N, C-alpha and C. Protein backbone atom coordinates (compact mmCIF):
# COMPACT_ATOMS: atom_id res chain seq x y z
N MET A 1 110.93 -9.72 45.76
CA MET A 1 112.10 -10.24 46.42
C MET A 1 113.05 -10.77 45.35
N GLY A 2 114.31 -10.40 45.48
CA GLY A 2 115.29 -10.85 44.52
C GLY A 2 116.12 -12.02 45.04
N TRP A 3 116.58 -12.83 44.09
CA TRP A 3 117.48 -13.94 44.37
C TRP A 3 118.69 -13.81 43.47
N TRP A 4 119.85 -14.21 43.94
CA TRP A 4 121.03 -14.20 43.10
C TRP A 4 121.95 -15.35 43.46
N LYS A 5 122.70 -15.79 42.44
CA LYS A 5 123.63 -16.91 42.63
C LYS A 5 124.90 -16.41 43.31
N LEU A 6 125.47 -17.29 44.15
CA LEU A 6 126.77 -17.00 44.73
C LEU A 6 127.81 -17.28 43.65
N GLN A 7 128.72 -16.36 43.49
CA GLN A 7 129.69 -16.43 42.40
C GLN A 7 130.41 -17.78 42.37
N GLY A 8 130.43 -18.40 41.19
CA GLY A 8 131.14 -19.64 40.99
C GLY A 8 130.43 -20.88 41.52
N THR A 9 129.15 -20.75 41.91
CA THR A 9 128.40 -21.89 42.45
C THR A 9 126.99 -21.91 41.87
N ASP A 10 126.26 -22.95 42.20
CA ASP A 10 124.83 -23.02 41.87
C ASP A 10 123.97 -22.59 43.06
N ASP A 11 124.62 -22.17 44.16
CA ASP A 11 123.91 -21.75 45.36
C ASP A 11 123.32 -20.36 45.17
N ALA A 12 122.21 -20.11 45.87
CA ALA A 12 121.52 -18.82 45.73
C ALA A 12 121.14 -18.27 47.11
N ILE A 13 121.12 -16.96 47.21
CA ILE A 13 120.62 -16.26 48.39
C ILE A 13 119.61 -15.22 47.92
N GLY A 14 118.79 -14.75 48.85
CA GLY A 14 117.76 -13.80 48.45
C GLY A 14 117.43 -12.79 49.54
N ASP A 15 116.69 -11.77 49.14
CA ASP A 15 116.32 -10.69 50.04
C ASP A 15 115.50 -11.18 51.23
N GLY A 16 114.54 -12.06 51.00
CA GLY A 16 113.69 -12.55 52.09
C GLY A 16 114.48 -13.27 53.17
N PRO A 17 115.30 -14.27 52.81
CA PRO A 17 116.11 -14.94 53.82
C PRO A 17 117.08 -13.98 54.53
N LEU A 18 117.65 -13.04 53.80
CA LEU A 18 118.55 -12.07 54.42
C LEU A 18 117.80 -11.19 55.42
N ASP A 19 116.59 -10.78 55.08
CA ASP A 19 115.78 -9.99 56.01
C ASP A 19 115.45 -10.79 57.27
N SER A 20 115.12 -12.07 57.09
CA SER A 20 114.80 -12.92 58.25
C SER A 20 116.00 -13.09 59.16
N LEU A 21 117.18 -13.33 58.58
CA LEU A 21 118.39 -13.46 59.38
C LEU A 21 118.74 -12.15 60.07
N GLY A 22 118.55 -11.05 59.37
CA GLY A 22 118.82 -9.74 59.98
C GLY A 22 117.96 -9.49 61.20
N THR A 23 116.69 -9.86 61.12
CA THR A 23 115.78 -9.73 62.26
C THR A 23 116.24 -10.59 63.42
N ALA A 24 116.67 -11.82 63.13
CA ALA A 24 117.16 -12.72 64.18
C ALA A 24 118.43 -12.17 64.83
N VAL A 25 119.32 -11.61 64.02
CA VAL A 25 120.57 -11.04 64.55
C VAL A 25 120.27 -9.90 65.52
N VAL A 26 119.35 -9.03 65.14
CA VAL A 26 118.96 -7.92 66.01
C VAL A 26 118.41 -8.45 67.33
N ALA A 27 117.60 -9.50 67.29
CA ALA A 27 117.04 -10.07 68.51
C ALA A 27 118.12 -10.67 69.41
N VAL A 28 119.11 -11.34 68.82
CA VAL A 28 120.20 -11.91 69.61
C VAL A 28 121.02 -10.80 70.26
N ILE A 29 121.31 -9.75 69.51
CA ILE A 29 122.06 -8.63 70.08
C ILE A 29 121.29 -8.01 71.24
N GLU A 30 119.99 -7.86 71.10
CA GLU A 30 119.18 -7.31 72.19
C GLU A 30 119.24 -8.19 73.43
N GLU A 31 119.23 -9.51 73.25
CA GLU A 31 119.35 -10.44 74.38
C GLU A 31 120.69 -10.26 75.10
N TYR A 32 121.77 -10.16 74.35
CA TYR A 32 123.09 -9.98 74.96
C TYR A 32 123.21 -8.62 75.63
N ARG A 33 122.67 -7.59 75.00
CA ARG A 33 122.71 -6.27 75.64
C ARG A 33 121.92 -6.26 76.94
N SER A 34 120.80 -6.94 76.96
CA SER A 34 119.98 -7.01 78.16
C SER A 34 120.70 -7.77 79.27
N ALA A 35 121.35 -8.86 78.93
CA ALA A 35 122.00 -9.71 79.93
C ALA A 35 123.40 -9.23 80.32
N PHE A 36 124.17 -8.71 79.34
CA PHE A 36 125.58 -8.42 79.57
C PHE A 36 126.00 -6.99 79.21
N ASN A 37 125.07 -6.19 78.70
CA ASN A 37 125.35 -4.82 78.29
C ASN A 37 126.42 -4.74 77.20
N ARG A 38 126.36 -5.70 76.27
CA ARG A 38 127.30 -5.72 75.14
C ARG A 38 126.74 -6.62 74.04
N LYS A 39 127.36 -6.54 72.88
CA LYS A 39 127.02 -7.44 71.78
C LYS A 39 127.76 -8.78 71.97
N PRO A 40 127.29 -9.84 71.31
CA PRO A 40 128.00 -11.12 71.40
C PRO A 40 129.39 -11.02 70.76
N THR A 41 130.32 -11.81 71.28
CA THR A 41 131.66 -11.88 70.68
C THR A 41 131.61 -12.79 69.45
N ALA A 42 132.69 -12.78 68.67
CA ALA A 42 132.77 -13.67 67.51
C ALA A 42 132.66 -15.13 67.94
N ALA A 43 133.30 -15.49 69.05
CA ALA A 43 133.23 -16.86 69.55
C ALA A 43 131.80 -17.23 69.95
N GLU A 44 131.08 -16.28 70.56
CA GLU A 44 129.69 -16.54 70.94
C GLU A 44 128.81 -16.72 69.71
N TRP A 45 129.02 -15.88 68.69
CA TRP A 45 128.26 -16.05 67.45
C TRP A 45 128.52 -17.41 66.84
N ALA A 46 129.79 -17.82 66.79
CA ALA A 46 130.13 -19.12 66.21
C ALA A 46 129.46 -20.24 66.99
N ALA A 47 129.49 -20.16 68.31
CA ALA A 47 128.86 -21.19 69.14
C ALA A 47 127.34 -21.22 68.96
N LEU A 48 126.72 -20.05 68.92
CA LEU A 48 125.28 -19.97 68.72
C LEU A 48 124.88 -20.55 67.37
N LEU A 49 125.57 -20.14 66.32
CA LEU A 49 125.24 -20.62 64.98
C LEU A 49 125.49 -22.11 64.83
N THR A 50 126.59 -22.61 65.41
CA THR A 50 126.87 -24.04 65.36
C THR A 50 125.79 -24.82 66.09
N ALA A 51 125.35 -24.33 67.24
CA ALA A 51 124.30 -25.01 68.00
C ALA A 51 122.99 -25.07 67.22
N VAL A 52 122.62 -23.98 66.59
CA VAL A 52 121.36 -23.93 65.85
C VAL A 52 121.46 -24.69 64.53
N LEU A 53 122.52 -24.48 63.79
CA LEU A 53 122.65 -25.10 62.47
C LEU A 53 123.11 -26.55 62.54
N GLY A 54 123.63 -26.98 63.69
CA GLY A 54 124.19 -28.31 63.81
C GLY A 54 123.25 -29.36 64.35
N ALA A 55 121.96 -29.11 64.31
CA ALA A 55 120.99 -30.11 64.80
C ALA A 55 121.18 -31.42 64.05
N GLU A 56 121.21 -32.51 64.79
CA GLU A 56 121.43 -33.82 64.17
C GLU A 56 120.15 -34.59 63.90
N GLU A 57 119.05 -34.24 64.56
CA GLU A 57 117.80 -34.92 64.33
C GLU A 57 117.31 -34.60 62.91
N PRO A 58 116.93 -35.61 62.14
CA PRO A 58 116.55 -35.37 60.74
C PRO A 58 115.50 -34.28 60.54
N ASP A 59 114.52 -34.19 61.44
CA ASP A 59 113.46 -33.19 61.28
C ASP A 59 113.94 -31.78 61.60
N GLU A 60 115.09 -31.65 62.27
CA GLU A 60 115.59 -30.33 62.67
C GLU A 60 116.80 -29.88 61.85
N ARG A 61 117.29 -30.72 60.97
CA ARG A 61 118.48 -30.38 60.16
C ARG A 61 118.18 -29.21 59.23
N VAL A 62 119.18 -28.38 59.03
CA VAL A 62 119.02 -27.24 58.14
C VAL A 62 119.52 -27.54 56.73
N LEU A 63 120.19 -28.68 56.55
CA LEU A 63 120.68 -29.09 55.24
C LEU A 63 119.96 -30.34 54.78
N ASP A 64 119.76 -30.48 53.49
CA ASP A 64 119.17 -31.69 52.95
C ASP A 64 120.18 -32.84 52.89
N ASP A 65 121.48 -32.50 52.87
CA ASP A 65 122.49 -33.53 52.60
C ASP A 65 123.52 -33.70 53.71
N GLY A 66 123.18 -33.34 54.96
CA GLY A 66 124.14 -33.54 56.04
C GLY A 66 123.87 -32.68 57.25
N VAL A 67 124.84 -32.66 58.14
CA VAL A 67 124.75 -31.92 59.39
C VAL A 67 125.89 -30.92 59.47
N VAL A 68 125.61 -29.68 59.86
CA VAL A 68 126.64 -28.67 60.04
C VAL A 68 127.43 -29.04 61.30
N LYS A 69 128.74 -29.13 61.17
CA LYS A 69 129.58 -29.49 62.32
C LYS A 69 130.26 -28.29 62.95
N ARG A 70 130.50 -27.24 62.17
CA ARG A 70 131.21 -26.09 62.74
C ARG A 70 130.93 -24.86 61.89
N VAL A 71 130.76 -23.73 62.57
CA VAL A 71 130.61 -22.44 61.91
C VAL A 71 131.77 -21.58 62.40
N VAL A 72 132.45 -20.92 61.48
CA VAL A 72 133.57 -20.06 61.83
C VAL A 72 133.16 -18.61 61.57
N VAL A 73 133.37 -17.75 62.56
CA VAL A 73 133.12 -16.33 62.42
C VAL A 73 134.47 -15.65 62.48
N GLU A 74 134.89 -15.06 61.37
CA GLU A 74 136.21 -14.46 61.28
C GLU A 74 136.06 -12.93 61.22
N LYS A 75 136.73 -12.25 62.13
CA LYS A 75 136.65 -10.79 62.18
C LYS A 75 137.57 -10.17 61.14
N ALA A 76 137.14 -9.06 60.58
CA ALA A 76 137.98 -8.30 59.65
C ALA A 76 139.08 -7.60 60.42
N GLU A 77 140.20 -7.49 59.82
CA GLU A 77 141.34 -6.80 60.44
C GLU A 77 141.23 -5.32 60.21
């Protein structure tokens, strides 16, 4: 599994976490297709990610140094 730094930062991403997120994305799309016969909208993705990443309880936080307050999903033109 490879890891690489995000340009201009000390932050890193890797193949394993990307694979895990990809699997989760496929599962969410399957849920929406089953319920609504479509993929989630950008607004739905933003709301889902904010709900999951924005946990305020210390044991459920996804960040060591704070709480995620908002996730923005911007579509390409």
